[in-house]
């Protein structure tokens, strides 16, 4: 891939970066160096290797949702000493 000022301008536009001409001059050799570093990956032999989109096995770690009897209002409010009013939990004012 040819790295020149036009490519840097295009990349900066896509990335919504306002680069000065001086910054573009600085980025041309740096961008070339980055692409050369990644070109090493093209030389890696991947034949016989399975594609891995998700490197960690994803599994559901939540418990099974089993319906059961709910607390009564009296039981639910039994531990709320001063934080209840008219059969409800009383919280701090949110202004």
PDB file of N, CA and C in Angstrom:
ATOM      1  N   UNK A   1       0.840  -1.174   0.000  1.00  0.00           N
ATOM      2  CA  UNK A   1       0.000   0.000   0.000  1.00  0.00           C
ATOM      3  C   UNK A   1       0.885   1.238   0.000  1.00  0.00           C
ATOM      4  N   UNK A   2       0.586   2.150  -0.868  1.00  0.00           N
ATOM      5  CA  UNK A   2       1.359   3.380  -0.965  1.00  0.00           C
ATOM      6  C   UNK A   2       0.886   4.367   0.099  1.00  0.00           C
ATOM      7  N   UNK A   3       1.806   4.746   0.965  1.00  0.00           N
ATOM      8  CA  UNK A   3       1.481   5.708   2.010  1.00  0.00           C
ATOM      9  C   UNK A   3       2.003   7.072   1.567  1.00  0.00           C
ATOM     10  N   UNK A   4       1.086   8.000   1.378  1.00  0.00           N
ATOM     11  CA  UNK A   4       1.473   9.355   0.984  1.00  0.00           C
ATOM     12  C   UNK A   4       0.580  10.354   1.712  1.00  0.00           C
ATOM     13  N   UNK A   5       0.762  11.621   1.396  1.00  0.00           N
ATOM     14  CA  UNK A   5       0.000  12.672   2.074  1.00  0.00           C
ATOM     15  C   UNK A   5      -1.500  12.507   1.863  1.00  0.00           C
ATOM     16  N   UNK A   6      -1.896  12.076   0.668  1.00  0.00           N
ATOM     17  CA  UNK A   6      -3.317  11.926   0.376  1.00  0.00           C
ATOM     18  C   UNK A   6      -3.954  10.851   1.258  1.00  0.00           C
ATOM     19  N   UNK A   7      -3.241   9.745   1.482  1.00  0.00           N
ATOM     20  CA  UNK A   7      -3.759   8.681   2.346  1.00  0.00           C
ATOM     21  C   UNK A   7      -3.908   9.193   3.779  1.00  0.00           C
ATOM     22  N   UNK A   8      -2.905   9.914   4.257  1.00  0.00           N
ATOM     23  CA  UNK A   8      -2.963  10.459   5.620  1.00  0.00           C
ATOM     24  C   UNK A   8      -4.121  11.450   5.741  1.00  0.00           C
ATOM     25  N   UNK A   9      -4.335  12.276   4.735  1.00  0.00           N
ATOM     26  CA  UNK A   9      -5.455  13.222   4.756  1.00  0.00           C
ATOM     27  C   UNK A   9      -6.785  12.470   4.799  1.00  0.00           C
ATOM     28  N   UNK A  10      -6.887  11.395   4.007  1.00  0.00           N
ATOM     29  CA  UNK A  10      -8.112  10.606   3.990  1.00  0.00           C
ATOM     30  C   UNK A  10      -8.365   9.948   5.345  1.00  0.00           C
ATOM     31  N   UNK A  11      -7.331   9.344   5.911  1.00  0.00           N
ATOM     32  CA  UNK A  11      -7.477   8.679   7.219  1.00  0.00           C
ATOM     33  C   UNK A  11      -7.846   9.700   8.288  1.00  0.00           C
ATOM     34  N   UNK A  12      -7.219  10.868   8.250  1.00  0.00           N
ATOM     35  CA  UNK A  12      -7.526  11.893   9.254  1.00  0.00           C
ATOM     36  C   UNK A  12      -8.951  12.413   9.085  1.00  0.00           C
ATOM     37  N   UNK A  13      -9.413  12.496   7.849  1.00  0.00           N
ATOM     38  CA  UNK A  13     -10.790  12.943   7.618  1.00  0.00           C
ATOM     39  C   UNK A  13     -11.784  11.915   8.161  1.00  0.00           C
ATOM     40  N   UNK A  14     -11.534  10.631   7.889  1.00  0.00           N
ATOM     41  CA  UNK A  14     -12.409   9.569   8.389  1.00  0.00           C
ATOM     42  C   UNK A  14     -12.405   9.539   9.920  1.00  0.00           C
ATOM     43  N   UNK A  15     -11.232   9.796  10.509  1.00  0.00           N
ATOM     44  CA  UNK A  15     -11.113   9.791  11.967  1.00  0.00           C
ATOM     45  C   UNK A  15     -11.517  11.126  12.590  1.00  0.00           C
ATOM     46  N   UNK A  16     -11.950  12.060  11.734  1.00  0.00           N
ATOM     47  CA  UNK A  16     -12.365  13.391  12.177  1.00  0.00           C
ATOM     48  C   UNK A  16     -11.263  14.115  12.940  1.00  0.00           C
ATOM     49  N   UNK A  17     -10.059  14.053  12.396  1.00  0.00           N
ATOM     50  CA  UNK A  17      -8.912  14.758  12.954  1.00  0.00           C
ATOM     51  C   UNK A  17      -8.545  15.904  12.032  1.00  0.00           C
ATOM     52  N   UNK A  18      -8.328  17.053  12.588  1.00  0.00           N
ATOM     53  CA  UNK A  18      -7.877  18.197  11.796  1.00  0.00           C
ATOM     54  C   UNK A  18      -6.366  18.286  11.926  1.00  0.00           C
ATOM     55  N   UNK A  19      -5.651  17.730  10.954  1.00  0.00           N
ATOM     56  CA  UNK A  19      -4.194  17.725  10.985  1.00  0.00           C
ATOM     57  C   UNK A  19      -3.651  18.860  10.132  1.00  0.00           C
ATOM     58  N   UNK A  20      -2.607  19.481  10.642  1.00  0.00           N
ATOM     59  CA  UNK A  20      -1.936  20.517   9.863  1.00  0.00           C
ATOM     60  C   UNK A  20      -1.022  19.843   8.837  1.00  0.00           C
ATOM     61  N   UNK A  21      -0.528  20.624   7.873  1.00  0.00           N
ATOM     62  CA  UNK A  21       0.394  20.072   6.874  1.00  0.00           C
ATOM     63  C   UNK A  21       1.662  19.550   7.530  1.00  0.00           C
ATOM     64  N   UNK A  22       2.112  20.219   8.583  1.00  0.00           N
ATOM     65  CA  UNK A  22       3.309  19.774   9.304  1.00  0.00           C
ATOM     66  C   UNK A  22       3.063  18.414   9.970  1.00  0.00           C
ATOM     67  N   UNK A  23       1.883  18.242  10.577  1.00  0.00           N
ATOM     68  CA  UNK A  23       1.551  16.970  11.221  1.00  0.00           C
ATOM     69  C   UNK A  23       1.428  15.852  10.181  1.00  0.00           C
ATOM     70  N   UNK A  24       0.886  16.164   9.025  1.00  0.00           N
ATOM     71  CA  UNK A  24       0.772  15.166   7.955  1.00  0.00           C
ATOM     72  C   UNK A  24       2.149  14.706   7.525  1.00  0.00           C
ATOM     73  N   UNK A  25       3.098  15.630   7.398  1.00  0.00           N
ATOM     74  CA  UNK A  25       4.475  15.282   7.041  1.00  0.00           C
ATOM     75  C   UNK A  25       5.093  14.344   8.077  1.00  0.00           C
ATOM     76  N   UNK A  26       4.781  14.573   9.342  1.00  0.00           N
ATOM     77  CA  UNK A  26       5.317  13.735  10.425  1.00  0.00           C
ATOM     78  C   UNK A  26       4.683  12.345  10.389  1.00  0.00           C
ATOM     79  N   UNK A  27       3.384  12.280  10.084  1.00  0.00           N
ATOM     80  CA  UNK A  27       2.664  11.013  10.128  1.00  0.00           C
ATOM     81  C   UNK A  27       2.994  10.079   8.968  1.00  0.00           C
ATOM     82  N   UNK A  28       3.425  10.594   7.820  1.00  0.00           N
ATOM     83  CA  UNK A  28       3.695   9.721   6.661  1.00  0.00           C
ATOM     84  C   UNK A  28       4.711   8.637   7.011  1.00  0.00           C
ATOM     85  N   UNK A  29       5.912   8.969   7.510  1.00  0.00           N
ATOM     86  CA  UNK A  29       6.860   7.891   7.838  1.00  0.00           C
ATOM     87  C   UNK A  29       6.401   7.017   9.014  1.00  0.00           C
ATOM     88  N   UNK A  30       5.680   7.618   9.969  1.00  0.00           N
ATOM     89  CA  UNK A  30       5.196   6.837  11.112  1.00  0.00           C
ATOM     90  C   UNK A  30       4.153   5.816  10.665  1.00  0.00           C
ATOM     91  N   UNK A  31       3.277   6.239   9.761  1.00  0.00           N
ATOM     92  CA  UNK A  31       2.247   5.336   9.255  1.00  0.00           C
ATOM     93  C   UNK A  31       2.872   4.204   8.446  1.00  0.00           C
ATOM     94  N   UNK A  32       3.905   4.523   7.665  1.00  0.00           N
ATOM     95  CA  UNK A  32       4.620   3.489   6.909  1.00  0.00           C
ATOM     96  C   UNK A  32       5.218   2.458   7.860  1.00  0.00           C
ATOM     97  N   UNK A  33       5.813   2.937   8.938  1.00  0.00           N
ATOM     98  CA  UNK A  33       6.436   2.042   9.919  1.00  0.00           C
ATOM     99  C   UNK A  33       5.398   1.132  10.583  1.00  0.00           C
ATOM    100  N   UNK A  34       4.235   1.686  10.882  1.00  0.00           N
ATOM    101  CA  UNK A  34       3.170   0.889  11.499  1.00  0.00           C
ATOM    102  C   UNK A  34       2.701  -0.198  10.550  1.00  0.00           C
ATOM    103  N   UNK A  35       2.485   0.161   9.285  1.00  0.00           N
ATOM    104  CA  UNK A  35       2.026  -0.828   8.312  1.00  0.00           C
ATOM    105  C   UNK A  35       3.072  -1.907   8.059  1.00  0.00           C
ATOM    106  N   UNK A  36       4.350  -1.555   8.082  1.00  0.00           N
ATOM    107  CA  UNK A  36       5.413  -2.549   7.926  1.00  0.00           C
ATOM    108  C   UNK A  36       5.421  -3.516   9.102  1.00  0.00           C
ATOM    109  N   UNK A  37       5.167  -3.007  10.292  1.00  0.00           N
ATOM    110  CA  UNK A  37       5.131  -3.874  11.477  1.00  0.00           C
ATOM    111  C   UNK A  37       3.984  -4.881  11.366  1.00  0.00           C
ATOM    112  N   UNK A  38       2.849  -4.443  10.863  1.00  0.00           N
ATOM    113  CA  UNK A  38       1.713  -5.351  10.720  1.00  0.00           C
ATOM    114  C   UNK A  38       1.859  -6.276   9.515  1.00  0.00           C
ATOM    115  N   UNK A  39       2.706  -5.936   8.572  1.00  0.00           N
ATOM    116  CA  UNK A  39       2.886  -6.806   7.412  1.00  0.00           C
ATOM    117  C   UNK A  39       3.523  -8.142   7.804  1.00  0.00           C
ATOM    118  N   UNK A  40       4.153  -8.203   8.953  1.00  0.00           N
ATOM    119  CA  UNK A  40       4.718  -9.451   9.469  1.00  0.00           C
ATOM    120  C   UNK A  40       3.617 -10.494   9.631  1.00  0.00           C
ATOM    121  N   UNK A  41       2.418 -10.047   9.951  1.00  0.00           N
ATOM    122  CA  UNK A  41       1.302 -10.974  10.137  1.00  0.00           C
ATOM    123  C   UNK A  41       0.929 -11.675   8.845  1.00  0.00           C
ATOM    124  N   UNK A  42       1.201 -11.048   7.691  1.00  0.00           N
ATOM    125  CA  UNK A  42       0.905 -11.687   6.404  1.00  0.00           C
ATOM    126  C   UNK A  42       1.767 -12.923   6.167  1.00  0.00           C
ATOM    127  N   UNK A  43       2.901 -13.001   6.836  1.00  0.00           N
ATOM    128  CA  UNK A  43       3.839 -14.101   6.633  1.00  0.00           C
ATOM    129  C   UNK A  43       3.549 -15.302   7.534  1.00  0.00           C
ATOM    130  N   UNK A  44       2.638 -15.163   8.468  1.00  0.00           N
ATOM    131  CA  UNK A  44       2.323 -16.232   9.410  1.00  0.00           C
ATOM    132  C   UNK A  44       1.506 -17.309   8.706  1.00  0.00           C
ATOM    133  N   UNK A  45       1.918 -18.576   8.885  1.00  0.00           N
ATOM    134  CA  UNK A  45       1.201 -19.706   8.287  1.00  0.00           C
ATOM    135  C   UNK A  45       0.001 -20.056   9.171  1.00  0.00           C
ATOM    136  N   UNK A  46      -1.193 -19.874   8.629  1.00  0.00           N
ATOM    137  CA  UNK A  46      -2.406 -20.131   9.399  1.00  0.00           C
ATOM    138  C   UNK A  46      -3.198 -21.304   8.837  1.00  0.00           C
ATOM    139  N   UNK A  47      -2.599 -22.083   7.961  1.00  0.00           N
ATOM    140  CA  UNK A  47      -3.299 -23.232   7.410  1.00  0.00           C
ATOM    141  C   UNK A  47      -3.561 -24.249   8.517  1.00  0.00           C
ATOM    142  N   UNK A  48      -4.757 -24.784   8.549  1.00  0.00           N
ATOM    143  CA  UNK A  48      -5.105 -25.769   9.565  1.00  0.00           C
ATOM    144  C   UNK A  48      -5.477 -25.151  10.898  1.00  0.00           C
ATOM    145  N   UNK A  49      -5.603 -23.850  10.945  1.00  0.00           N
ATOM    146  CA  UNK A  49      -5.966 -23.162  12.179  1.00  0.00           C
ATOM    147  C   UNK A  49      -7.421 -22.729  12.103  1.00  0.00           C
ATOM    148  N   UNK A  50      -8.166 -23.010  13.144  1.00  0.00           N
ATOM    149  CA  UNK A  50      -9.567 -22.595  13.177  1.00  0.00           C
ATOM    150  C   UNK A  50      -9.678 -21.114  13.487  1.00  0.00           C
ATOM    151  N   UNK A  51     -10.636 -20.463  12.853  1.00  0.00           N
ATOM    152  CA  UNK A  51     -10.864 -19.056  13.099  1.00  0.00           C
ATOM    153  C   UNK A  51     -11.385 -18.875  14.516  1.00  0.00           C
ATOM    154  N   UNK A  52     -10.905 -17.862  15.194  1.00  0.00           N
ATOM    155  CA  UNK A  52     -11.322 -17.600  16.561  1.00  0.00           C
ATOM    156  C   UNK A  52     -11.804 -16.161  16.661  1.00  0.00           C
ATOM    157  N   UNK A  53     -13.110 -15.984  16.597  1.00  0.00           N
ATOM    158  CA  UNK A  53     -13.673 -14.648  16.724  1.00  0.00           C
ATOM    159  C   UNK A  53     -13.747 -14.256  18.194  1.00  0.00           C
ATOM    160  N   UNK A  54     -14.112 -15.196  19.035  1.00  0.00           N
ATOM    161  CA  UNK A  54     -14.226 -14.953  20.469  1.00  0.00           C
ATOM    162  C   UNK A  54     -13.142 -15.761  21.173  1.00  0.00           C
ATOM    163  N   UNK A  55     -12.078 -15.109  21.672  1.00  0.00           N
ATOM    164  CA  UNK A  55     -10.970 -15.859  22.263  1.00  0.00           C
ATOM    165  C   UNK A  55     -11.313 -16.552  23.583  1.00  0.00           C
ATOM    166  N   UNK A  56     -12.349 -16.087  24.255  1.00  0.00           N
ATOM    167  CA  UNK A  56     -12.746 -16.677  25.530  1.00  0.00           C
ATOM    168  C   UNK A  56     -14.121 -17.311  25.337  1.00  0.00           C
ATOM    169  N   UNK A  57     -14.278 -18.525  25.814  1.00  0.00           N
ATOM    170  CA  UNK A  57     -15.577 -19.185  25.708  1.00  0.00           C
ATOM    171  C   UNK A  57     -16.623 -18.406  26.494  1.00  0.00           C
ATOM    172  N   UNK A  58     -17.709 -18.068  25.827  1.00  0.00           N
ATOM    173  CA  UNK A  58     -18.778 -17.317  26.466  1.00  0.00           C
ATOM    174  C   UNK A  58     -19.816 -18.313  26.968  1.00  0.00           C
ATOM    175  N   UNK A  59     -20.173 -18.166  28.227  1.00  0.00           N
ATOM    176  CA  UNK A  59     -21.189 -19.046  28.779  1.00  0.00           C
ATOM    177  C   UNK A  59     -22.034 -18.237  29.744  1.00  0.00           C
ATOM    178  N   UNK A  60     -23.237 -18.677  29.939  1.00  0.00           N
ATOM    179  CA  UNK A  60     -24.159 -17.999  30.824  1.00  0.00           C
ATOM    180  C   UNK A  60     -23.800 -18.336  32.268  1.00  0.00           C
ATOM    181  N   UNK A  61     -23.473 -17.321  33.062  1.00  0.00           N
ATOM    182  CA  UNK A  61     -23.089 -17.558  34.452  1.00  0.00           C
ATOM    183  C   UNK A  61     -24.211 -17.193  35.420  1.00  0.00           C
ATOM    184  N   UNK A  62     -25.381 -16.873  34.875  1.00  0.00           N
ATOM    185  CA  UNK A  62     -26.498 -16.519  35.737  1.00  0.00           C
ATOM    186  C   UNK A  62     -27.239 -17.766  36.190  1.00  0.00           C
ATOM    187  N   UNK A  63     -27.887 -17.651  37.304  1.00  0.00           N
ATOM    188  CA  UNK A  63     -28.650 -18.785  37.820  1.00  0.00           C
ATOM    189  C   UNK A  63     -29.945 -18.942  37.027  1.00  0.00           C
ATOM    190  N   UNK A  64     -30.523 -20.076  37.150  1.00  0.00           N
ATOM    191  CA  UNK A  64     -31.798 -20.359  36.504  1.00  0.00           C
ATOM    192  C   UNK A  64     -32.875 -19.517  37.186  1.00  0.00           C
ATOM    193  N   UNK A  65     -33.752 -18.898  36.430  1.00  0.00           N
ATOM    194  CA  UNK A  65     -34.817 -18.069  36.990  1.00  0.00           C
ATOM    195  C   UNK A  65     -36.008 -18.960  37.331  1.00  0.00           C
ATOM    196  N   UNK A  66     -36.148 -19.235  38.617  1.00  0.00           N
ATOM    197  CA  UNK A  66     -37.207 -20.135  39.084  1.00  0.00           C
ATOM    198  C   UNK A  66     -38.215 -19.305  39.877  1.00  0.00           C
ATOM    199  N   UNK A  67     -39.481 -19.303  39.485  1.00  0.00           N
ATOM    200  CA  UNK A  67     -40.488 -18.552  40.252  1.00  0.00           C
ATOM    201  C   UNK A  67     -40.714 -19.191  41.613  1.00  0.00           C
ATOM    202  N   UNK A  68     -40.872 -18.356  42.624  1.00  0.00           N
ATOM    203  CA  UNK A  68     -41.170 -18.847  43.969  1.00  0.00           C
ATOM    204  C   UNK A  68     -41.981 -17.788  44.716  1.00  0.00           C
ATOM    205  N   UNK A  69     -42.423 -18.122  45.910  1.00  0.00           N
ATOM    206  CA  UNK A  69     -43.288 -17.231  46.670  1.00  0.00           C
ATOM    207  C   UNK A  69     -42.538 -15.970  47.091  1.00  0.00           C
ATOM    208  N   UNK A  70     -43.197 -14.823  46.967  1.00  0.00           N
ATOM    209  CA  UNK A  70     -42.595 -13.536  47.319  1.00  0.00           C
ATOM    210  C   UNK A  70     -42.726 -13.264  48.809  1.00  0.00           C
ATOM    211  N   UNK A  71     -41.926 -12.329  49.298  1.00  0.00           N
ATOM    212  CA  UNK A  71     -42.074 -11.875  50.678  1.00  0.00           C
ATOM    213  C   UNK A  71     -43.383 -11.115  50.810  1.00  0.00           C
ATOM    214  N   UNK A  72     -43.936 -11.164  52.000  1.00  0.00           N
ATOM    215  CA  UNK A  72     -45.098 -10.312  52.261  1.00  0.00           C
ATOM    216  C   UNK A  72     -44.588  -8.891  52.472  1.00  0.00           C
ATOM    217  N   UNK A  73     -45.475  -7.919  52.406  1.00  0.00           N
ATOM    218  CA  UNK A  73     -45.068  -6.528  52.590  1.00  0.00           C
ATOM    219  C   UNK A  73     -44.502  -6.328  53.991  1.00  0.00           C
ATOM    220  N   UNK A  74     -45.112  -6.967  54.974  1.00  0.00           N
ATOM    221  CA  UNK A  74     -44.652  -6.840  56.361  1.00  0.00           C
ATOM    222  C   UNK A  74     -43.247  -7.418  56.519  1.00  0.00           C
ATOM    223  N   UNK A  75     -42.983  -8.585  55.917  1.00  0.00           N
ATOM    224  CA  UNK A  75     -41.662  -9.210  56.010  1.00  0.00           C
ATOM    225  C   UNK A  75     -40.609  -8.365  55.289  1.00  0.00           C
ATOM    226  N   UNK A  76     -40.960  -7.844  54.129  1.00  0.00           N
ATOM    227  CA  UNK A  76     -40.008  -7.050  53.363  1.00  0.00           C
ATOM    228  C   UNK A  76     -39.620  -5.775  54.107  1.00  0.00           C
ATOM    229  N   UNK A  77     -40.556  -5.172  54.803  1.00  0.00           N
ATOM    230  CA  UNK A  77     -40.290  -3.918  55.516  1.00  0.00           C
ATOM    231  C   UNK A  77     -39.791  -4.137  56.944  1.00  0.00           C
ATOM    232  N   UNK A  78     -39.688  -5.391  57.396  1.00  0.00           N
ATOM    233  CA  UNK A  78     -39.354  -5.669  58.797  1.00  0.00           C
ATOM    234  C   UNK A  78     -37.954  -5.177  59.184  1.00  0.00           C
ATOM    235  N   UNK A  79     -37.013  -5.109  58.290  1.00  0.00           N
ATOM    236  CA  UNK A  79     -35.655  -4.673  58.620  1.00  0.00           C
ATOM    237  C   UNK A  79     -35.443  -3.173  58.412  1.00  0.00           C
ATOM    238  N   UNK A  80     -36.416  -2.477  57.836  1.00  0.00           N
ATOM    239  CA  UNK A  80     -36.307  -1.044  57.588  1.00  0.00           C
ATOM    240  C   UNK A  80     -36.856  -0.309  58.804  1.00  0.00           C
ATOM    241  N   UNK A  81     -36.007   0.020  59.751  1.00  0.00           N
ATOM    242  CA  UNK A  81     -36.450   0.618  61.020  1.00  0.00           C
ATOM    243  C   UNK A  81     -37.118   1.979  60.792  1.00  0.00           C
ATOM    244  N   UNK A  82     -36.358   2.972  60.357  1.00  0.00           N
ATOM    245  CA  UNK A  82     -36.899   4.321  60.198  1.00  0.00           C
ATOM    246  C   UNK A  82     -37.056   4.694  58.725  1.00  0.00           C
ATOM    247  N   UNK A  83     -36.847   3.749  57.853  1.00  0.00           N
ATOM    248  CA  UNK A  83     -36.869   4.052  56.423  1.00  0.00           C
ATOM    249  C   UNK A  83     -38.112   3.494  55.748  1.00  0.00           C
ATOM    250  N   UNK A  84     -39.259   3.632  56.410  1.00  0.00           N
ATOM    251  CA  UNK A  84     -40.502   3.171  55.806  1.00  0.00           C
ATOM    252  C   UNK A  84     -41.608   4.160  56.135  1.00  0.00           C
ATOM    253  N   UNK A  85     -42.563   4.246  55.229  1.00  0.00           N
ATOM    254  CA  UNK A  85     -43.682   5.153  55.452  1.00  0.00           C
ATOM    255  C   UNK A  85     -44.865   4.642  54.647  1.00  0.00           C
ATOM    256  N   UNK A  86     -45.998   4.520  55.274  1.00  0.00           N
ATOM    257  CA  UNK A  86     -47.242   4.102  54.624  1.00  0.00           C
ATOM    258  C   UNK A  86     -47.094   2.786  53.867  1.00  0.00           C
ATOM    259  N   UNK A  87     -46.317   1.849  54.393  1.00  0.00           N
ATOM    260  CA  UNK A  87     -46.187   0.532  53.778  1.00  0.00           C
ATOM    261  C   UNK A  87     -45.178   0.472  52.642  1.00  0.00           C
ATOM    262  N   UNK A  88     -44.334   1.497  52.502  1.00  0.00           N
ATOM    263  CA  UNK A  88     -43.321   1.529  51.440  1.00  0.00           C
ATOM    264  C   UNK A  88     -41.962   1.860  52.030  1.00  0.00           C
ATOM    265  N   UNK A  89     -40.880   1.526  51.306  1.00  0.00           N
ATOM    266  CA  UNK A  89     -39.546   1.955  51.699  1.00  0.00           C
ATOM    267  C   UNK A  89     -39.450   3.456  51.460  1.00  0.00           C
ATOM    268  N   UNK A  90     -38.827   4.145  52.383  1.00  0.00           N
ATOM    269  CA  UNK A  90     -38.651   5.590  52.257  1.00  0.00           C
ATOM    270  C   UNK A  90     -37.182   5.849  51.943  1.00  0.00           C
ATOM    271  N   UNK A  91     -36.925   6.549  50.861  1.00  0.00           N
ATOM    272  CA  UNK A  91     -35.553   6.868  50.459  1.00  0.00           C
ATOM    273  C   UNK A  91     -35.271   8.354  50.590  1.00  0.00           C
ATOM    274  N   UNK A  92     -34.041   8.734  50.353  1.00  0.00           N
ATOM    275  CA  UNK A  92     -33.687  10.147  50.425  1.00  0.00           C
ATOM    276  C   UNK A  92     -34.326  10.949  49.284  1.00  0.00           C
ATOM    277  N   UNK A  93     -34.519  12.236  49.516  1.00  0.00           N
ATOM    278  CA  UNK A  93     -35.079  13.092  48.488  1.00  0.00           C
ATOM    279  C   UNK A  93     -34.127  13.150  47.294  1.00  0.00           C
ATOM    280  N   UNK A  94     -34.708  13.105  46.123  1.00  0.00           N
ATOM    281  CA  UNK A  94     -33.910  13.252  44.890  1.00  0.00           C
ATOM    282  C   UNK A  94     -34.425  14.502  44.196  1.00  0.00           C
ATOM    283  N   UNK A  95     -33.611  15.531  44.247  1.00  0.00           N
ATOM    284  CA  UNK A  95     -34.042  16.813  43.654  1.00  0.00           C
ATOM    285  C   UNK A  95     -33.263  17.064  42.392  1.00  0.00           C
TER     286      UNK A  95
END
